[in-house]
């Protein structure tokens, strides 16, 4: 799991979670969107599945819709 601003990794660590989106939300402390379209985003690497996922913080309307 990496937290990224632009092209710079600002933090990284291990999050144990079955779902990559839940792992990103755990690291972000709020809902995320399955698109890395913002300057502040998160990269989740699933080593078992050899997959990489990218997430941005969810926009306010996306957060409200998921409550």
Protein backbone atom coordinates (compact mmCIF):
# COMPACT_ATOMS: atom_id res chain seq x y z
CA UNK A 1 0.00 0.00 0.00
CA UNK A 2 1.37 3.39 -0.99
CA UNK A 3 -0.03 6.88 -0.49
CA UNK A 4 1.04 9.14 -3.32
CA UNK A 5 0.96 12.89 -4.01
CA UNK A 6 1.62 13.50 -7.68
CA UNK A 7 4.57 11.23 -8.44
CA UNK A 8 5.95 11.13 -4.88
CA UNK A 9 5.29 8.29 -2.45
CA UNK A 10 4.61 9.98 0.88
CA UNK A 11 3.93 6.83 2.90
CA UNK A 12 3.82 3.09 2.47
CA UNK A 13 2.94 0.10 4.57
CA UNK A 14 1.19 -3.22 4.76
CA UNK A 15 -2.58 -3.47 5.13
CA UNK A 16 -4.12 -6.90 5.63
CA UNK A 17 -7.53 -6.87 3.96
CA UNK A 18 -9.32 -9.19 1.51
CA UNK A 19 -10.62 -6.36 -0.68
CA UNK A 20 -8.16 -3.84 -2.21
CA UNK A 21 -10.69 -0.99 -2.06
CA UNK A 22 -11.26 -1.63 1.67
CA UNK A 23 -7.48 -1.63 2.16
CA UNK A 24 -7.25 1.79 0.48
CA UNK A 25 -10.14 3.11 2.59
CA UNK A 26 -8.46 1.84 5.74
CA UNK A 27 -5.26 3.69 4.83
CA UNK A 28 -7.11 6.85 3.72
CA UNK A 29 -9.46 6.96 6.68
CA UNK A 30 -12.37 7.71 4.37
CA UNK A 31 -14.13 6.44 1.26
CA UNK A 32 -12.16 6.13 -1.96
CA UNK A 33 -13.08 6.04 -5.63
CA UNK A 34 -11.77 3.35 -8.01
CA UNK A 35 -9.99 5.94 -10.13
CA UNK A 36 -6.62 7.58 -9.58
CA UNK A 37 -7.63 10.89 -11.12
CA UNK A 38 -6.48 13.20 -8.34
CA UNK A 39 -3.02 14.34 -7.31
CA UNK A 40 -3.52 12.54 -3.96
CA UNK A 41 -4.07 8.85 -4.58
CA UNK A 42 -3.40 5.35 -3.25
CA UNK A 43 -1.81 2.32 -4.88
CA UNK A 44 -2.66 -1.13 -3.52
CA UNK A 45 -0.56 -4.10 -4.61
CA UNK A 46 -2.14 -7.54 -4.18
CA UNK A 47 0.94 -9.75 -4.11
CA UNK A 48 -1.05 -13.01 -4.11
CA UNK A 49 -2.98 -12.04 -7.26
CA UNK A 50 -0.09 -10.10 -8.84
CA UNK A 51 -2.44 -7.13 -9.32
CA UNK A 52 -2.13 -3.39 -8.79
CA UNK A 53 -5.12 -1.14 -7.94
CA UNK A 54 -5.28 2.67 -7.88
CA UNK A 55 -7.75 4.80 -5.90
CA UNK A 56 -8.43 8.47 -5.24
CA UNK A 57 -10.32 10.00 -2.36
CA UNK A 58 -14.01 9.88 -3.20
CA UNK A 59 -15.70 13.13 -4.15
CA UNK A 60 -18.23 14.44 -1.64
CA UNK A 61 -21.21 13.29 -3.76
CA UNK A 62 -19.74 9.76 -4.04
CA UNK A 63 -19.23 9.61 -0.27
CA UNK A 64 -22.82 10.72 0.40
CA UNK A 65 -24.20 8.16 -2.09
CA UNK A 66 -22.48 5.25 -0.34
CA UNK A 67 -23.67 6.04 3.20
